Amino acid sequence: MMKKFLTAGLLASLMMTGSVLAMDSAAIQEHREKIQENYIQTAEKEGKVAALEERVEAIEEMIEMIVKEME
């Protein structure tokens, strides 16, 4: 159940960022690469569920940063 929740949250977050990616794609791409690197490292050390939780949190932070820049 938790895995489905995290996956749904991740997908929703990615959909929300979709239109914003075109605004500052270089900075956002760099941030997404860091998120992916952290995901891989955490998945290897702590498992996929912990990695997904961390990834969702990082994406939420990225969305908040983008929204603040848009204001």
PDB file of N, CA and C in Angstrom:
ATOM      1  N   MET A   1       0.825  -1.195   0.000  1.00  0.00           N
ATOM      2  CA  MET A   1       0.000   0.000   0.000  1.00  0.00           C
ATOM      3  C   MET A   1       0.869   1.259   0.000  1.00  0.00           C
ATOM      4  N   MET A   2       1.886   1.274   0.840  1.00  0.00           N
ATOM      5  CA  MET A   2       2.768   2.432   0.927  1.00  0.00           C
ATOM      6  C   MET A   2       3.478   2.668  -0.406  1.00  0.00           C
ATOM      7  N   LYS A   3       3.853   1.574  -1.056  1.00  0.00           N
ATOM      8  CA  LYS A   3       4.547   1.681  -2.331  1.00  0.00           C
ATOM      9  C   LYS A   3       3.648   2.330  -3.378  1.00  0.00           C
ATOM     10  N   LYS A   4       2.360   1.946  -3.390  1.00  0.00           N
ATOM     11  CA  LYS A   4       1.421   2.532  -4.335  1.00  0.00           C
ATOM     12  C   LYS A   4       1.237   4.020  -4.053  1.00  0.00           C
ATOM     13  N   PHE A   5       1.168   4.368  -2.782  1.00  0.00           N
ATOM     14  CA  PHE A   5       1.014   5.776  -2.391  1.00  0.00           C
ATOM     15  C   PHE A   5       2.204   6.596  -2.850  1.00  0.00           C
ATOM     16  N   LEU A   6       3.394   6.073  -2.626  1.00  0.00           N
ATOM     17  CA  LEU A   6       4.599   6.793  -3.033  1.00  0.00           C
ATOM     18  C   LEU A   6       4.684   6.928  -4.548  1.00  0.00           C
ATOM     19  N   THR A   7       4.339   5.870  -5.246  1.00  0.00           N
ATOM     20  CA  THR A   7       4.360   5.914  -6.704  1.00  0.00           C
ATOM     21  C   THR A   7       3.361   6.934  -7.231  1.00  0.00           C
ATOM     22  N   ALA A   8       2.160   6.944  -6.653  1.00  0.00           N
ATOM     23  CA  ALA A   8       1.144   7.905  -7.075  1.00  0.00           C
ATOM     24  C   ALA A   8       1.604   9.333  -6.795  1.00  0.00           C
ATOM     25  N   GLY A   9       2.218   9.544  -5.647  1.00  0.00           N
ATOM     26  CA  GLY A   9       2.731  10.867  -5.304  1.00  0.00           C
ATOM     27  C   GLY A   9       3.829  11.309  -6.246  1.00  0.00           C
ATOM     28  N   LEU A  10       4.701  10.395  -6.571  1.00  0.00           N
ATOM     29  CA  LEU A  10       5.793  10.697  -7.495  1.00  0.00           C
ATOM     30  C   LEU A  10       5.248  11.066  -8.864  1.00  0.00           C
ATOM     31  N   LEU A  11       4.315  10.274  -9.361  1.00  0.00           N
ATOM     32  CA  LEU A  11       3.750  10.556 -10.682  1.00  0.00           C
ATOM     33  C   LEU A  11       3.011  11.888 -10.695  1.00  0.00           C
ATOM     34  N   ALA A  12       2.280  12.171  -9.634  1.00  0.00           N
ATOM     35  CA  ALA A  12       1.571  13.450  -9.559  1.00  0.00           C
ATOM     36  C   ALA A  12       2.566  14.607  -9.549  1.00  0.00           C
ATOM     37  N   SER A  13       3.643  14.438  -8.804  1.00  0.00           N
ATOM     38  CA  SER A  13       4.658  15.487  -8.746  1.00  0.00           C
ATOM     39  C   SER A  13       5.303  15.709 -10.104  1.00  0.00           C
ATOM     40  N   LEU A  14       5.601  14.628 -10.786  1.00  0.00           N
ATOM     41  CA  LEU A  14       6.210  14.748 -12.115  1.00  0.00           C
ATOM     42  C   LEU A  14       5.268  15.418 -13.105  1.00  0.00           C
ATOM     43  N   MET A  15       3.989  15.099 -13.010  1.00  0.00           N
ATOM     44  CA  MET A  15       3.020  15.724 -13.906  1.00  0.00           C
ATOM     45  C   MET A  15       2.924  17.219 -13.642  1.00  0.00           C
ATOM     46  N   MET A  16       3.001  17.610 -12.373  1.00  0.00           N
ATOM     47  CA  MET A  16       2.921  19.017 -12.026  1.00  0.00           C
ATOM     48  C   MET A  16       4.130  19.782 -12.548  1.00  0.00           C
ATOM     49  N   THR A  17       5.277  19.145 -12.560  1.00  0.00           N
ATOM     50  CA  THR A  17       6.483  19.824 -13.012  1.00  0.00           C
ATOM     51  C   THR A  17       6.628  19.824 -14.526  1.00  0.00           C
ATOM     52  N   GLY A  18       5.830  19.035 -15.211  1.00  0.00           N
ATOM     53  CA  GLY A  18       5.963  18.901 -16.664  1.00  0.00           C
ATOM     54  C   GLY A  18       5.952  20.203 -17.415  1.00  0.00           C
ATOM     55  N   SER A  19       5.003  21.081 -17.129  1.00  0.00           N
ATOM     56  CA  SER A  19       4.903  22.335 -17.864  1.00  0.00           C
ATOM     57  C   SER A  19       5.972  23.334 -17.447  1.00  0.00           C
ATOM     58  N   VAL A  20       6.479  23.177 -16.256  1.00  0.00           N
ATOM     59  CA  VAL A  20       7.468  24.128 -15.756  1.00  0.00           C
ATOM     60  C   VAL A  20       8.863  23.790 -16.270  1.00  0.00           C
ATOM     61  N   LEU A  21       9.078  22.566 -16.673  1.00  0.00           N
ATOM     62  CA  LEU A  21      10.403  22.146 -17.125  1.00  0.00           C
ATOM     63  C   LEU A  21      10.934  22.999 -18.260  1.00  0.00           C
ATOM     64  N   ALA A  22      10.071  23.474 -19.101  1.00  0.00           N
ATOM     65  CA  ALA A  22      10.499  24.281 -20.235  1.00  0.00           C
ATOM     66  C   ALA A  22      11.009  25.649 -19.803  1.00  0.00           C
ATOM     67  N   MET A  23      10.633  26.127 -18.629  1.00  0.00           N
ATOM     68  CA  MET A  23      10.992  27.465 -18.178  1.00  0.00           C
ATOM     69  C   MET A  23      12.491  27.592 -17.915  1.00  0.00           C
ATOM     70  N   ASP A  24      13.041  26.695 -17.150  1.00  0.00           N
ATOM     71  CA  ASP A  24      14.455  26.756 -16.814  1.00  0.00           C
ATOM     72  C   ASP A  24      15.000  25.340 -16.840  1.00  0.00           C
ATOM     73  N   SER A  25      14.988  24.773 -18.022  1.00  0.00           N
ATOM     74  CA  SER A  25      15.260  23.351 -18.158  1.00  0.00           C
ATOM     75  C   SER A  25      16.659  22.946 -17.693  1.00  0.00           C
ATOM     76  N   ALA A  26      17.653  23.786 -17.866  1.00  0.00           N
ATOM     77  CA  ALA A  26      19.015  23.413 -17.469  1.00  0.00           C
ATOM     78  C   ALA A  26      19.124  23.237 -15.959  1.00  0.00           C
ATOM     79  N   ALA A  27      18.622  24.203 -15.203  1.00  0.00           N
ATOM     80  CA  ALA A  27      18.689  24.124 -13.740  1.00  0.00           C
ATOM     81  C   ALA A  27      17.836  22.979 -13.223  1.00  0.00           C
ATOM     82  N   ILE A  28      16.664  22.812 -13.802  1.00  0.00           N
ATOM     83  CA  ILE A  28      15.770  21.746 -13.365  1.00  0.00           C
ATOM     84  C   ILE A  28      16.356  20.385 -13.728  1.00  0.00           C
ATOM     85  N   GLN A  29      16.943  20.262 -14.905  1.00  0.00           N
ATOM     86  CA  GLN A  29      17.555  18.997 -15.315  1.00  0.00           C
ATOM     87  C   GLN A  29      18.695  18.634 -14.364  1.00  0.00           C
ATOM     88  N   GLU A  30      19.478  19.604 -13.979  1.00  0.00           N
ATOM     89  CA  GLU A  30      20.572  19.355 -13.037  1.00  0.00           C
ATOM     90  C   GLU A  30      20.014  18.863 -11.700  1.00  0.00           C
ATOM     91  N   HIS A  31      18.959  19.498 -11.234  1.00  0.00           N
ATOM     92  CA  HIS A  31      18.342  19.102  -9.971  1.00  0.00           C
ATOM     93  C   HIS A  31      17.763  17.692 -10.072  1.00  0.00           C
ATOM     94  N   ARG A  32      17.121  17.376 -11.185  1.00  0.00           N
ATOM     95  CA  ARG A  32      16.548  16.042 -11.385  1.00  0.00           C
ATOM     96  C   ARG A  32      17.646  14.976 -11.440  1.00  0.00           C
ATOM     97  N   GLU A  33      18.787  15.303 -12.025  1.00  0.00           N
ATOM     98  CA  GLU A  33      19.903  14.356 -12.070  1.00  0.00           C
ATOM     99  C   GLU A  33      20.417  14.061 -10.668  1.00  0.00           C
ATOM    100  N   LYS A  34      20.484  15.094  -9.835  1.00  0.00           N
ATOM    101  CA  LYS A  34      20.905  14.888  -8.444  1.00  0.00           C
ATOM    102  C   LYS A  34      19.900  14.007  -7.705  1.00  0.00           C
ATOM    103  N   ILE A  35      18.615  14.247  -7.945  1.00  0.00           N
ATOM    104  CA  ILE A  35      17.579  13.426  -7.320  1.00  0.00           C
ATOM    105  C   ILE A  35      17.749  11.968  -7.745  1.00  0.00           C
ATOM    106  N   GLN A  36      17.995  11.740  -9.024  1.00  0.00           N
ATOM    107  CA  GLN A  36      18.167  10.376  -9.534  1.00  0.00           C
ATOM    108  C   GLN A  36      19.396   9.719  -8.928  1.00  0.00           C
ATOM    109  N   GLU A  37      20.501  10.449  -8.831  1.00  0.00           N
ATOM    110  CA  GLU A  37      21.713   9.901  -8.232  1.00  0.00           C
ATOM    111  C   GLU A  37      21.472   9.514  -6.776  1.00  0.00           C
ATOM    112  N   ASN A  38      20.801  10.399  -6.044  1.00  0.00           N
ATOM    113  CA  ASN A  38      20.488  10.106  -4.644  1.00  0.00           C
ATOM    114  C   ASN A  38      19.569   8.901  -4.535  1.00  0.00           C
ATOM    115  N   TYR A  39      18.617   8.794  -5.457  1.00  0.00           N
ATOM    116  CA  TYR A  39      17.689   7.654  -5.466  1.00  0.00           C
ATOM    117  C   TYR A  39      18.460   6.343  -5.621  1.00  0.00           C
ATOM    118  N   ILE A  40      19.376   6.311  -6.554  1.00  0.00           N
ATOM    119  CA  ILE A  40      20.140   5.090  -6.809  1.00  0.00           C
ATOM    120  C   ILE A  40      20.973   4.717  -5.586  1.00  0.00           C
ATOM    121  N   GLN A  41      21.645   5.703  -4.996  1.00  0.00           N
ATOM    122  CA  GLN A  41      22.469   5.440  -3.821  1.00  0.00           C
ATOM    123  C   GLN A  41      21.626   4.955  -2.645  1.00  0.00           C
ATOM    124  N   THR A  42      20.500   5.606  -2.413  1.00  0.00           N
ATOM    125  CA  THR A  42      19.638   5.211  -1.301  1.00  0.00           C
ATOM    126  C   THR A  42      19.039   3.834  -1.548  1.00  0.00           C
ATOM    127  N   ALA A  43      18.646   3.548  -2.780  1.00  0.00           N
ATOM    128  CA  ALA A  43      18.075   2.238  -3.110  1.00  0.00           C
ATOM    129  C   ALA A  43      19.074   1.124  -2.830  1.00  0.00           C
ATOM    130  N   GLU A  44      20.336   1.376  -3.137  1.00  0.00           N
ATOM    131  CA  GLU A  44      21.368   0.372  -2.898  1.00  0.00           C
ATOM    132  C   GLU A  44      21.609   0.164  -1.408  1.00  0.00           C
ATOM    133  N   LYS A  45      21.545   1.238  -0.637  1.00  0.00           N
ATOM    134  CA  LYS A  45      21.861   1.157   0.786  1.00  0.00           C
ATOM    135  C   LYS A  45      20.657   0.786   1.651  1.00  0.00           C
ATOM    136  N   GLU A  46      19.507   1.383   1.368  1.00  0.00           N
ATOM    137  CA  GLU A  46      18.370   1.257   2.275  1.00  0.00           C
ATOM    138  C   GLU A  46      17.152   0.589   1.658  1.00  0.00           C
ATOM    139  N   GLY A  47      17.164   0.322   0.391  1.00  0.00           N
ATOM    140  CA  GLY A  47      16.025  -0.310  -0.262  1.00  0.00           C
ATOM    141  C   GLY A  47      15.218   0.687  -1.072  1.00  0.00           C
ATOM    142  N   LYS A  48      14.373   0.155  -1.918  1.00  0.00           N
ATOM    143  CA  LYS A  48      13.630   0.985  -2.859  1.00  0.00           C
ATOM    144  C   LYS A  48      12.562   1.848  -2.201  1.00  0.00           C
ATOM    145  N   VAL A  49      11.910   1.348  -1.154  1.00  0.00           N
ATOM    146  CA  VAL A  49      10.857   2.131  -0.511  1.00  0.00           C
ATOM    147  C   VAL A  49      11.449   3.398   0.103  1.00  0.00           C
ATOM    148  N   ALA A  50      12.541   3.255   0.805  1.00  0.00           N
ATOM    149  CA  ALA A  50      13.194   4.418   1.401  1.00  0.00           C
ATOM    150  C   ALA A  50      13.677   5.374   0.316  1.00  0.00           C
ATOM    151  N   ALA A  51      14.166   4.815  -0.770  1.00  0.00           N
ATOM    152  CA  ALA A  51      14.639   5.643  -1.874  1.00  0.00           C
ATOM    153  C   ALA A  51      13.491   6.413  -2.506  1.00  0.00           C
ATOM    154  N   LEU A  52      12.338   5.760  -2.677  1.00  0.00           N
ATOM    155  CA  LEU A  52      11.178   6.445  -3.236  1.00  0.00           C
ATOM    156  C   LEU A  52      10.678   7.546  -2.319  1.00  0.00           C
ATOM    157  N   GLU A  53      10.676   7.287  -1.020  1.00  0.00           N
ATOM    158  CA  GLU A  53      10.249   8.314  -0.064  1.00  0.00           C
ATOM    159  C   GLU A  53      11.153   9.542  -0.169  1.00  0.00           C
ATOM    160  N   GLU A  54      12.440   9.291  -0.250  1.00  0.00           N
ATOM    161  CA  GLU A  54      13.401  10.394  -0.367  1.00  0.00           C
ATOM    162  C   GLU A  54      13.225  11.132  -1.693  1.00  0.00           C
ATOM    163  N   ARG A  55      12.977  10.384  -2.741  1.00  0.00           N
ATOM    164  CA  ARG A  55      12.803  10.971  -4.073  1.00  0.00           C
ATOM    165  C   ARG A  55      11.552  11.854  -4.130  1.00  0.00           C
ATOM    166  N   VAL A  56      10.463  11.371  -3.566  1.00  0.00           N
ATOM    167  CA  VAL A  56       9.226  12.150  -3.532  1.00  0.00           C
ATOM    168  C   VAL A  56       9.447  13.449  -2.758  1.00  0.00           C
ATOM    169  N   GLU A  57      10.134  13.355  -1.641  1.00  0.00           N
ATOM    170  CA  GLU A  57      10.417  14.551  -0.843  1.00  0.00           C
ATOM    171  C   GLU A  57      11.253  15.552  -1.638  1.00  0.00           C
ATOM    172  N   ALA A  58      12.254  15.066  -2.341  1.00  0.00           N
ATOM    173  CA  ALA A  58      13.115  15.951  -3.136  1.00  0.00           C
ATOM    174  C   ALA A  58      12.336  16.593  -4.279  1.00  0.00           C
ATOM    175  N   ILE A  59      11.455  15.846  -4.906  1.00  0.00           N
ATOM    176  CA  ILE A  59      10.649  16.404  -5.996  1.00  0.00           C
ATOM    177  C   ILE A  59       9.681  17.445  -5.462  1.00  0.00           C
ATOM    178  N   GLU A  60       9.108  17.183  -4.297  1.00  0.00           N
ATOM    179  CA  GLU A  60       8.220  18.178  -3.684  1.00  0.00           C
ATOM    180  C   GLU A  60       8.984  19.475  -3.399  1.00  0.00           C
ATOM    181  N   GLU A  61      10.203  19.354  -2.908  1.00  0.00           N
ATOM    182  CA  GLU A  61      11.027  20.540  -2.661  1.00  0.00           C
ATOM    183  C   GLU A  61      11.314  21.278  -3.963  1.00  0.00           C
ATOM    184  N   MET A  62      11.585  20.537  -5.033  1.00  0.00           N
ATOM    185  CA  MET A  62      11.854  21.154  -6.323  1.00  0.00           C
ATOM    186  C   MET A  62      10.620  21.903  -6.816  1.00  0.00           C
ATOM    187  N   ILE A  63       9.454  21.320  -6.644  1.00  0.00           N
ATOM    188  CA  ILE A  63       8.211  21.971  -7.061  1.00  0.00           C
ATOM    189  C   ILE A  63       7.995  23.270  -6.277  1.00  0.00           C
ATOM    190  N   GLU A  64       8.230  23.209  -4.969  1.00  0.00           N
ATOM    191  CA  GLU A  64       8.090  24.413  -4.149  1.00  0.00           C
ATOM    192  C   GLU A  64       9.045  25.497  -4.600  1.00  0.00           C
ATOM    193  N   MET A  65      10.272  25.119  -4.948  1.00  0.00           N
ATOM    194  CA  MET A  65      11.257  26.080  -5.417  1.00  0.00           C
ATOM    195  C   MET A  65      10.792  26.728  -6.724  1.00  0.00           C
ATOM    196  N   ILE A  66      10.256  25.928  -7.630  1.00  0.00           N
ATOM    197  CA  ILE A  66       9.790  26.425  -8.917  1.00  0.00           C
ATOM    198  C   ILE A  66       8.603  27.376  -8.726  1.00  0.00           C
ATOM    199  N   VAL A  67       7.683  26.988  -7.872  1.00  0.00           N
ATOM    200  CA  VAL A  67       6.509  27.827  -7.617  1.00  0.00           C
ATOM    201  C   VAL A  67       6.923  29.173  -7.020  1.00  0.00           C
ATOM    202  N   LYS A  68       7.878  29.154  -6.107  1.00  0.00           N
ATOM    203  CA  LYS A  68       8.349  30.408  -5.506  1.00  0.00           C
ATOM    204  C   LYS A  68       8.995  31.311  -6.558  1.00  0.00           C
ATOM    205  N   GLU A  69       9.724  30.703  -7.498  1.00  0.00           N
ATOM    206  CA  GLU A  69      10.353  31.477  -8.557  1.00  0.00           C
ATOM    207  C   GLU A  69       9.317  32.098  -9.499  1.00  0.00           C
ATOM    208  N   MET A  70       8.192  31.409  -9.650  1.00  0.00           N
ATOM    209  CA  MET A  70       7.161  31.890 -10.554  1.00  0.00           C
ATOM    210  C   MET A  70       6.369  33.054  -9.940  1.00  0.00           C
ATOM    211  N   GLU A  71       6.373  33.171  -8.630  1.00  0.00           N
ATOM    212  CA  GLU A  71       5.587  34.218  -7.962  1.00  0.00           C
ATOM    213  C   GLU A  71       6.218  35.578  -8.102  1.00  0.00           C
TER     214      GLU A  71
END
